[in-house]
Amino acid sequence: MRQLSFLSLRYWSRRRGRGATTILGVSLGVALMVSVGLINETIITSYQTVVEALAGKTHLEVRALMPQGLEEGWLDPITSFAT
């Protein structure tokens, strides 16, 4: 029962500083995670905009399913399909 004493109102009324610090820490942690996510999304969007401005929009994207990549024999059919 002693381990659950931190849930009582009397416990937190005696330790106001600890409660305020805990709430502040959790709030700062959440704010930090949200800001990092927003910054990451902004950087990715900015990078995509720069790449599209330099190279143009992609009409066809080819990805290899295997880690070693595509075989060279696939290059000609893909190139003729794309043009």
N, C-alpha and C. Protein backbone atom coordinates (compact mmCIF):
# COMPACT_ATOMS: atom_id res chain seq x y z
N MET A 1 0.82 -1.19 0.00
CA MET A 1 0.00 0.00 0.00
C MET A 1 0.86 1.26 0.00
N ARG A 2 2.02 1.16 0.60
CA ARG A 2 2.93 2.30 0.68
C ARG A 2 3.41 2.72 -0.71
N GLN A 3 3.55 1.76 -1.60
CA GLN A 3 4.02 2.08 -2.95
C GLN A 3 3.00 2.89 -3.74
N LEU A 4 1.72 2.81 -3.39
CA LEU A 4 0.68 3.54 -4.09
C LEU A 4 0.39 4.90 -3.44
N SER A 5 1.19 5.29 -2.45
CA SER A 5 0.92 6.55 -1.75
C SER A 5 1.12 7.76 -2.65
N PHE A 6 1.90 7.63 -3.72
CA PHE A 6 2.13 8.76 -4.61
C PHE A 6 0.88 9.13 -5.41
N LEU A 7 -0.14 8.28 -5.37
CA LEU A 7 -1.39 8.59 -6.06
C LEU A 7 -2.33 9.46 -5.23
N SER A 8 -2.05 9.60 -3.96
CA SER A 8 -2.98 10.32 -3.09
C SER A 8 -2.79 11.84 -3.21
N LEU A 9 -3.86 12.55 -2.93
CA LEU A 9 -3.86 14.02 -2.98
C LEU A 9 -2.94 14.58 -1.90
N ARG A 10 -2.91 13.94 -0.76
CA ARG A 10 -2.07 14.42 0.34
C ARG A 10 -0.59 14.35 -0.05
N TYR A 11 -0.20 13.30 -0.72
CA TYR A 11 1.19 13.15 -1.18
C TYR A 11 1.58 14.30 -2.09
N TRP A 12 0.73 14.60 -3.08
CA TRP A 12 1.06 15.65 -4.05
C TRP A 12 0.93 17.04 -3.45
N SER A 13 0.05 17.23 -2.46
CA SER A 13 -0.06 18.54 -1.83
C SER A 13 1.19 18.86 -1.00
N ARG A 14 1.86 17.86 -0.51
CA ARG A 14 3.10 18.08 0.24
C ARG A 14 4.30 18.25 -0.68
N ARG A 15 4.19 17.79 -1.90
CA ARG A 15 5.31 17.84 -2.85
C ARG A 15 4.90 18.61 -4.11
N ARG A 16 4.51 19.84 -3.93
CA ARG A 16 4.03 20.65 -5.06
C ARG A 16 5.14 20.89 -6.08
N GLY A 17 6.33 21.10 -5.61
CA GLY A 17 7.45 21.33 -6.51
C GLY A 17 7.71 20.14 -7.42
N ARG A 18 7.62 18.95 -6.85
CA ARG A 18 7.83 17.74 -7.64
C ARG A 18 6.73 17.57 -8.67
N GLY A 19 5.50 17.85 -8.30
CA GLY A 19 4.38 17.75 -9.23
C GLY A 19 4.50 18.74 -10.37
N ALA A 20 4.86 19.97 -10.03
CA ALA A 20 5.01 21.01 -11.06
C ALA A 20 6.16 20.66 -12.00
N THR A 21 7.26 20.16 -11.43
CA THR A 21 8.40 19.77 -12.26
C THR A 21 8.04 18.61 -13.17
N THR A 22 7.27 17.67 -12.68
CA THR A 22 6.85 16.53 -13.50
C THR A 22 5.97 16.99 -14.64
N ILE A 23 4.99 17.84 -14.35
CA ILE A 23 4.09 18.33 -15.40
C ILE A 23 4.88 19.15 -16.42
N LEU A 24 5.80 19.98 -15.95
CA LEU A 24 6.64 20.77 -16.86
C LEU A 24 7.50 19.87 -17.74
N GLY A 25 8.08 18.84 -17.15
CA GLY A 25 8.92 17.93 -17.92
C GLY A 25 8.15 17.18 -18.99
N VAL A 26 6.97 16.70 -18.65
CA VAL A 26 6.14 16.00 -19.63
C VAL A 26 5.70 16.95 -20.74
N SER A 27 5.31 18.16 -20.36
CA SER A 27 4.89 19.16 -21.36
C SER A 27 6.03 19.50 -22.30
N LEU A 28 7.22 19.70 -21.77
CA LEU A 28 8.37 20.01 -22.62
C LEU A 28 8.73 18.84 -23.53
N GLY A 29 8.61 17.64 -23.03
CA GLY A 29 8.88 16.47 -23.85
C GLY A 29 7.92 16.34 -25.02
N VAL A 30 6.64 16.55 -24.76
CA VAL A 30 5.64 16.50 -25.82
C VAL A 30 5.87 17.61 -26.83
N ALA A 31 6.15 18.82 -26.35
CA ALA A 31 6.41 19.95 -27.25
C ALA A 31 7.64 19.69 -28.10
N LEU A 32 8.66 19.10 -27.53
CA LEU A 32 9.87 18.79 -28.28
C LEU A 32 9.60 17.76 -29.37
N MET A 33 8.84 16.74 -29.07
CA MET A 33 8.54 15.72 -30.07
C MET A 33 7.70 16.29 -31.21
N VAL A 34 6.73 17.15 -30.89
CA VAL A 34 5.91 17.77 -31.92
C VAL A 34 6.76 18.68 -32.79
N SER A 35 7.63 19.47 -32.18
CA SER A 35 8.46 20.39 -32.96
C SER A 35 9.45 19.65 -33.84
N VAL A 36 10.04 18.57 -33.36
CA VAL A 36 10.95 17.78 -34.19
C VAL A 36 10.21 17.18 -35.37
N GLY A 37 9.00 16.69 -35.16
CA GLY A 37 8.20 16.16 -36.25
C GLY A 37 7.87 17.21 -37.29
N LEU A 38 7.51 18.40 -36.85
CA LEU A 38 7.20 19.49 -37.78
C LEU A 38 8.44 19.94 -38.56
N ILE A 39 9.56 20.03 -37.88
CA ILE A 39 10.80 20.42 -38.55
C ILE A 39 11.19 19.37 -39.58
N ASN A 40 11.08 18.11 -39.23
CA ASN A 40 11.40 17.03 -40.15
C ASN A 40 10.52 17.08 -41.39
N GLU A 41 9.22 17.28 -41.20
CA GLU A 41 8.29 17.35 -42.33
C GLU A 41 8.59 18.56 -43.21
N THR A 42 8.93 19.68 -42.60
CA THR A 42 9.25 20.89 -43.35
C THR A 42 10.51 20.71 -44.18
N ILE A 43 11.52 20.08 -43.61
CA ILE A 43 12.77 19.86 -44.34
C ILE A 43 12.55 18.91 -45.51
N ILE A 44 11.79 17.85 -45.31
CA ILE A 44 11.53 16.90 -46.40
C ILE A 44 10.75 17.58 -47.52
N THR A 45 9.74 18.37 -47.17
CA THR A 45 8.95 19.09 -48.17
C THR A 45 9.83 20.08 -48.94
N SER A 46 10.69 20.78 -48.24
CA SER A 46 11.58 21.74 -48.88
C SER A 46 12.55 21.03 -49.82
N TYR A 47 13.08 19.91 -49.39
CA TYR A 47 14.00 19.14 -50.23
C TYR A 47 13.29 18.64 -51.49
N GLN A 48 12.08 18.14 -51.35
CA GLN A 48 11.32 17.68 -52.51
C GLN A 48 11.03 18.82 -53.47
N THR A 49 10.74 19.99 -52.95
CA THR A 49 10.47 21.15 -53.79
C THR A 49 11.71 21.55 -54.59
N VAL A 50 12.87 21.52 -53.95
CA VAL A 50 14.12 21.86 -54.64
C VAL A 50 14.42 20.83 -55.72
N VAL A 51 14.26 19.56 -55.43
CA VAL A 51 14.53 18.51 -56.41
C VAL A 51 13.57 18.62 -57.58
N GLU A 52 12.30 18.88 -57.32
CA GLU A 52 11.33 19.03 -58.41
C GLU A 52 11.63 20.27 -59.25
N ALA A 53 12.12 21.33 -58.63
CA ALA A 53 12.47 22.54 -59.38
C ALA A 53 13.68 22.31 -60.27
N LEU A 54 14.61 21.50 -59.82
CA LEU A 54 15.82 21.25 -60.61
C LEU A 54 15.61 20.17 -61.67
N ALA A 55 14.92 19.10 -61.32
CA ALA A 55 14.81 17.96 -62.24
C ALA A 55 13.42 17.81 -62.85
N GLY A 56 12.45 18.51 -62.36
CA GLY A 56 11.09 18.36 -62.86
C GLY A 56 10.35 17.27 -62.10
N LYS A 57 9.04 17.23 -62.31
CA LYS A 57 8.22 16.22 -61.62
C LYS A 57 8.48 14.85 -62.21
N THR A 58 8.38 13.85 -61.38
CA THR A 58 8.58 12.47 -61.80
C THR A 58 7.29 11.92 -62.40
N HIS A 59 7.41 11.31 -63.57
CA HIS A 59 6.25 10.67 -64.20
C HIS A 59 6.27 9.16 -63.99
N LEU A 60 7.46 8.63 -63.78
CA LEU A 60 7.62 7.19 -63.59
C LEU A 60 8.72 6.96 -62.58
N GLU A 61 8.45 6.09 -61.62
CA GLU A 61 9.44 5.75 -60.62
C GLU A 61 9.61 4.24 -60.60
N VAL A 62 10.85 3.79 -60.74
CA VAL A 62 11.15 2.36 -60.77
C VAL A 62 11.97 2.04 -59.52
N ARG A 63 11.52 1.05 -58.78
CA ARG A 63 12.23 0.62 -57.57
C ARG A 63 12.51 -0.86 -57.66
N ALA A 64 13.68 -1.24 -57.20
CA ALA A 64 14.05 -2.65 -57.15
C ALA A 64 13.48 -3.29 -55.88
N LEU A 65 13.03 -4.52 -56.01
CA LEU A 65 12.52 -5.23 -54.84
C LEU A 65 13.63 -5.95 -54.10
N MET A 66 14.75 -6.14 -54.78
CA MET A 66 15.87 -6.85 -54.19
C MET A 66 16.93 -5.86 -53.74
N PRO A 67 17.68 -6.17 -52.70
CA PRO A 67 18.69 -5.25 -52.20
C PRO A 67 19.82 -4.98 -53.20
N GLN A 68 20.11 -5.91 -54.09
CA GLN A 68 21.20 -5.72 -55.03
C GLN A 68 20.81 -4.82 -56.20
N GLY A 69 19.55 -4.43 -56.31
CA GLY A 69 19.12 -3.50 -57.34
C GLY A 69 18.59 -4.21 -58.57
N LEU A 70 18.44 -3.42 -59.65
CA LEU A 70 17.93 -3.96 -60.90
C LEU A 70 19.06 -4.49 -61.77
N GLU A 71 18.74 -5.51 -62.54
CA GLU A 71 19.73 -6.00 -63.50
C GLU A 71 19.81 -5.01 -64.66
N GLU A 72 20.94 -4.97 -65.31
CA GLU A 72 21.15 -4.01 -66.38
C GLU A 72 20.26 -4.28 -67.59
N GLY A 73 19.81 -5.51 -67.75
CA GLY A 73 18.94 -5.86 -68.86
C GLY A 73 17.58 -5.18 -68.82
N TRP A 74 17.18 -4.72 -67.66
CA TRP A 74 15.90 -4.04 -67.51
C TRP A 74 15.95 -2.58 -67.93
N LEU A 75 17.13 -2.02 -68.10
CA LEU A 75 17.27 -0.60 -68.36
C LEU A 75 16.65 -0.18 -69.70
N ASP A 76 16.90 -0.94 -70.77
CA ASP A 76 16.38 -0.59 -72.09
C ASP A 76 14.85 -0.63 -72.15
N PRO A 77 14.19 -1.70 -71.67
CA PRO A 77 12.71 -1.70 -71.71
C PRO A 77 12.09 -0.58 -70.88
N ILE A 78 12.70 -0.29 -69.75
CA ILE A 78 12.17 0.79 -68.90
C ILE A 78 12.35 2.14 -69.58
N THR A 79 13.51 2.36 -70.16
CA THR A 79 13.79 3.63 -70.85
C THR A 79 12.87 3.80 -72.04
N SER A 80 12.62 2.75 -72.82
CA SER A 80 11.73 2.87 -73.98
C SER A 80 10.27 3.08 -73.54
N PHE A 81 9.91 2.53 -72.40
CA PHE A 81 8.55 2.72 -71.88
C PHE A 81 8.35 4.15 -71.40
N ALA A 82 9.38 4.73 -70.79
CA ALA A 82 9.28 6.06 -70.20
C ALA A 82 9.26 7.15 -71.24
N THR A 83 9.80 6.93 -72.43
CA THR A 83 9.84 8.01 -73.42
C THR A 83 8.66 7.97 -74.36
